[in-house]
Amino acid sequence: MDIKTVYCLVTGDIALGRSEWSITDGDKVQISAKGIKVMKQQADGTWKIIIDQAFGAEAKPGGLVTST
């Protein structure tokens, strides 16, 4: 698996990261996508992923899902 961090935005103890990833078999790409992660900084300074949407950056317009 190959993962590239495109950007990471941080405010206080919350961060939003965007990545591009792929899984290959030899030279052939089997699957690839653009993901989004939300992270929260822990008391010891480490970061914990609290939301991991592997295909999040590829959502279609109008495809927002909300809970009621």
N, C-alpha and C. Protein backbone atom coordinates (compact mmCIF):
# COMPACT_ATOMS: atom_id res chain seq x y z
N MET A 1 0.85 -1.17 0.00
CA MET A 1 0.00 0.00 0.00
C MET A 1 0.89 1.23 0.00
N ASP A 2 0.55 2.18 -0.83
CA ASP A 2 1.28 3.45 -0.92
C ASP A 2 0.33 4.56 -0.49
N ILE A 3 0.75 5.39 0.47
CA ILE A 3 -0.08 6.50 0.96
C ILE A 3 0.72 7.79 0.86
N LYS A 4 0.09 8.81 0.29
CA LYS A 4 0.70 10.14 0.17
C LYS A 4 -0.19 11.14 0.89
N THR A 5 0.37 11.88 1.84
CA THR A 5 -0.38 12.95 2.50
C THR A 5 -0.38 14.16 1.58
N VAL A 6 -1.55 14.63 1.21
CA VAL A 6 -1.69 15.79 0.32
C VAL A 6 -1.64 17.07 1.15
N TYR A 7 -2.41 17.10 2.25
CA TYR A 7 -2.34 18.22 3.17
C TYR A 7 -2.91 17.81 4.52
N CYS A 8 -2.58 18.60 5.53
CA CYS A 8 -3.12 18.40 6.87
C CYS A 8 -3.36 19.78 7.47
N LEU A 9 -4.60 20.06 7.85
CA LEU A 9 -4.98 21.33 8.47
C LEU A 9 -5.20 21.09 9.96
N VAL A 10 -4.60 21.93 10.79
CA VAL A 10 -4.70 21.76 12.23
C VAL A 10 -5.22 23.03 12.87
N THR A 11 -6.17 22.87 13.80
CA THR A 11 -6.63 23.96 14.64
C THR A 11 -6.84 23.40 16.04
N GLY A 12 -6.09 23.92 16.98
CA GLY A 12 -6.18 23.41 18.35
C GLY A 12 -5.81 21.94 18.41
N ASP A 13 -6.74 21.12 18.92
CA ASP A 13 -6.47 19.69 19.05
C ASP A 13 -7.20 18.84 18.01
N ILE A 14 -7.65 19.48 16.92
CA ILE A 14 -8.35 18.78 15.83
C ILE A 14 -7.57 18.99 14.53
N ALA A 15 -7.44 17.93 13.74
CA ALA A 15 -6.76 18.03 12.45
C ALA A 15 -7.59 17.33 11.38
N LEU A 16 -7.51 17.86 10.16
CA LEU A 16 -8.16 17.28 8.99
C LEU A 16 -7.07 16.97 7.97
N GLY A 17 -6.99 15.72 7.56
CA GLY A 17 -5.96 15.34 6.60
C GLY A 17 -6.57 14.78 5.34
N ARG A 18 -5.91 15.04 4.21
CA ARG A 18 -6.33 14.50 2.93
C ARG A 18 -5.19 13.68 2.36
N SER A 19 -5.49 12.49 1.89
CA SER A 19 -4.46 11.60 1.37
C SER A 19 -4.88 11.01 0.04
N GLU A 20 -3.89 10.49 -0.67
CA GLU A 20 -4.12 9.71 -1.87
C GLU A 20 -3.44 8.38 -1.63
N TRP A 21 -4.13 7.29 -1.88
CA TRP A 21 -3.57 5.98 -1.60
C TRP A 21 -3.84 5.01 -2.74
N SER A 22 -3.03 3.96 -2.79
CA SER A 22 -3.23 2.92 -3.80
C SER A 22 -2.68 1.60 -3.29
N ILE A 23 -3.26 0.54 -3.81
CA ILE A 23 -2.77 -0.81 -3.55
C ILE A 23 -2.43 -1.41 -4.90
N THR A 24 -1.21 -1.91 -5.02
CA THR A 24 -0.74 -2.44 -6.29
C THR A 24 -0.40 -3.93 -6.18
N ASP A 25 -0.40 -4.58 -7.32
CA ASP A 25 0.06 -5.96 -7.45
C ASP A 25 1.11 -5.91 -8.54
N GLY A 26 2.36 -5.85 -8.12
CA GLY A 26 3.44 -5.63 -9.08
C GLY A 26 3.34 -4.20 -9.59
N ASP A 27 3.23 -4.04 -10.90
CA ASP A 27 3.08 -2.71 -11.49
C ASP A 27 1.63 -2.32 -11.72
N LYS A 28 0.70 -3.23 -11.45
CA LYS A 28 -0.72 -2.97 -11.71
C LYS A 28 -1.42 -2.42 -10.47
N VAL A 29 -2.05 -1.26 -10.62
CA VAL A 29 -2.82 -0.67 -9.53
C VAL A 29 -4.15 -1.41 -9.43
N GLN A 30 -4.41 -2.01 -8.25
CA GLN A 30 -5.64 -2.75 -8.03
C GLN A 30 -6.79 -1.83 -7.61
N ILE A 31 -6.46 -0.87 -6.75
CA ILE A 31 -7.44 0.09 -6.27
C ILE A 31 -6.71 1.35 -5.82
N SER A 32 -7.34 2.49 -6.00
CA SER A 32 -6.75 3.74 -5.53
C SER A 32 -7.88 4.72 -5.22
N ALA A 33 -7.60 5.66 -4.33
CA ALA A 33 -8.63 6.63 -3.96
C ALA A 33 -7.99 7.82 -3.25
N LYS A 34 -8.84 8.78 -2.93
CA LYS A 34 -8.46 9.97 -2.18
C LYS A 34 -9.27 9.96 -0.89
N GLY A 35 -8.58 9.92 0.24
CA GLY A 35 -9.26 9.80 1.52
C GLY A 35 -9.17 11.04 2.38
N ILE A 36 -10.03 11.07 3.39
CA ILE A 36 -10.06 12.16 4.37
C ILE A 36 -10.06 11.54 5.76
N LYS A 37 -9.27 12.14 6.66
CA LYS A 37 -9.22 11.69 8.04
C LYS A 37 -9.39 12.88 8.97
N VAL A 38 -10.12 12.68 10.06
CA VAL A 38 -10.22 13.66 11.12
C VAL A 38 -9.50 13.07 12.33
N MET A 39 -8.60 13.85 12.93
CA MET A 39 -7.81 13.37 14.05
C MET A 39 -7.96 14.29 15.25
N LYS A 40 -7.79 13.73 16.44
CA LYS A 40 -7.85 14.50 17.68
C LYS A 40 -6.57 14.25 18.45
N GLN A 41 -5.97 15.35 18.92
CA GLN A 41 -4.74 15.21 19.70
C GLN A 41 -5.08 14.74 21.11
N GLN A 42 -4.33 13.74 21.56
CA GLN A 42 -4.53 13.16 22.88
C GLN A 42 -3.74 13.92 23.94
N ALA A 43 -4.02 13.66 25.19
CA ALA A 43 -3.36 14.35 26.30
C ALA A 43 -1.85 14.16 26.27
N ASP A 44 -1.37 13.01 25.75
CA ASP A 44 0.07 12.75 25.70
C ASP A 44 0.74 13.33 24.46
N GLY A 45 -0.03 14.07 23.61
CA GLY A 45 0.53 14.72 22.43
C GLY A 45 0.40 13.90 21.15
N THR A 46 0.04 12.63 21.24
CA THR A 46 -0.15 11.82 20.04
C THR A 46 -1.49 12.16 19.40
N TRP A 47 -1.67 11.71 18.16
CA TRP A 47 -2.90 11.97 17.42
C TRP A 47 -3.66 10.67 17.21
N LYS A 48 -4.97 10.70 17.41
CA LYS A 48 -5.84 9.54 17.21
C LYS A 48 -6.81 9.85 16.08
N ILE A 49 -6.92 8.92 15.13
CA ILE A 49 -7.89 9.09 14.04
C ILE A 49 -9.27 8.80 14.61
N ILE A 50 -10.18 9.79 14.47
CA ILE A 50 -11.53 9.60 14.98
C ILE A 50 -12.54 9.38 13.84
N ILE A 51 -12.19 9.81 12.63
CA ILE A 51 -13.00 9.52 11.44
C ILE A 51 -12.03 9.20 10.31
N ASP A 52 -12.23 8.08 9.65
CA ASP A 52 -11.37 7.67 8.54
C ASP A 52 -12.27 7.30 7.36
N GLN A 53 -12.36 8.18 6.39
CA GLN A 53 -13.18 7.94 5.20
C GLN A 53 -12.23 7.72 4.03
N ALA A 54 -11.96 6.46 3.74
CA ALA A 54 -10.97 6.10 2.72
C ALA A 54 -11.30 6.66 1.33
N PHE A 55 -12.59 6.85 1.04
CA PHE A 55 -13.00 7.36 -0.27
C PHE A 55 -13.65 8.74 -0.15
N GLY A 56 -13.42 9.43 0.96
CA GLY A 56 -14.10 10.68 1.29
C GLY A 56 -13.89 11.84 0.35
N ALA A 57 -12.71 11.95 -0.23
CA ALA A 57 -12.44 13.10 -1.10
C ALA A 57 -13.04 12.92 -2.48
N GLU A 58 -13.67 11.78 -2.72
CA GLU A 58 -14.26 11.52 -4.03
C GLU A 58 -15.78 11.54 -3.98
N ALA A 59 -16.35 12.06 -2.90
CA ALA A 59 -17.81 12.14 -2.78
C ALA A 59 -18.36 13.03 -3.87
N LYS A 60 -19.51 12.68 -4.36
CA LYS A 60 -20.14 13.45 -5.42
C LYS A 60 -20.91 14.63 -4.82
N PRO A 61 -20.99 15.76 -5.53
CA PRO A 61 -21.77 16.91 -5.04
C PRO A 61 -23.20 16.49 -4.72
N GLY A 62 -23.72 16.98 -3.62
CA GLY A 62 -25.08 16.65 -3.22
C GLY A 62 -25.16 15.33 -2.50
N GLY A 63 -24.02 14.66 -2.29
CA GLY A 63 -24.02 13.35 -1.67
C GLY A 63 -23.80 13.40 -0.17
N LEU A 64 -24.00 14.56 0.46
CA LEU A 64 -23.79 14.71 1.88
C LEU A 64 -24.81 13.89 2.65
N VAL A 65 -24.34 13.13 3.61
CA VAL A 65 -25.22 12.33 4.45
C VAL A 65 -25.19 12.93 5.85
N THR A 66 -26.35 13.20 6.39
CA THR A 66 -26.43 13.76 7.74
C THR A 66 -27.32 12.87 8.60
N SER A 67 -27.12 12.95 9.90
CA SER A 67 -27.99 12.20 10.79
C SER A 67 -28.98 13.14 11.44
N THR A 68 -30.14 12.62 11.81
CA THR A 68 -31.16 13.47 12.43
C THR A 68 -31.43 13.01 13.83
